[in-house]
């Protein structure tokens, strides 16, 4: 288990506990000593978050001032400071807008940036793998991989969930939360921040739970078959009107798969 504990007015410690012993920590890492930019503000209104890599060798820590860094537990040193080493022209969009790719153990991460992009980066090679289209009038609250890693779920400030192909950063599915929960519209107009405060997913990757700033937890059903065929279907439907699908140069079986009401026998 890992936690970020405040140490004094502006400093934070990363505290690591063993699986069975919680009376004293295995190790404590002073974040501001290894990165002078990882500091809070005296008013104590900053937020922090931390996530383990899937091989349990590294921890990513973030702060709402816009910094996220990856720490190697054995060496107690920084592996990568994403917004200095890779994305040096922007900051983290929100304190929980980052996640490790479960397929790569700890090399690949996804982050939401302050200038409105979802970026997938390699923290070892320190380069950008792919980048989404820009959210010019919105911001990213939370980024999370599905358990299989093929899809990224992005929670937006405008109360919507966007699902991305994690190989290409292409948008494949959208859930407008206000359509199902109109009461969220009043929160949107109030200007409270952040709107979606936390998010988690079932092991199957078919449902996602969101906690919003109104204090309610809502569970959303995701598409149950996010395989390559289904992702291609969603991509085609985002580009072609349903009425035009019958005119595409495709076999009847594929047209029937794309249409909600098949036309061929």
Foldseek 3Di string as FASTA:
>chain_A
DWDWDDDPQWWIKIFACDPPDDPHTPDIATVCVQPVPRIHHRVPPKDKDKDAFLVRQWMWIFIQVFWIFIAGPVVSHTLATLCVQAVVVWGFQERAQKDAQNVPRHQWMWTWTVQAKIWIAGSNVRYTQEIADGPNPWGWHHWDAQLNRQWIWTQIQQQKIWIAGNNYRDTQDIGRRCVVVVVLVVVSVVPDPRFFNDKDADNQRQKIWTQGPVGDIDIDGHDNDPDPLSSVLSVVCVPDPLVCLVVDPDDLVVNQVNHPHRDDD
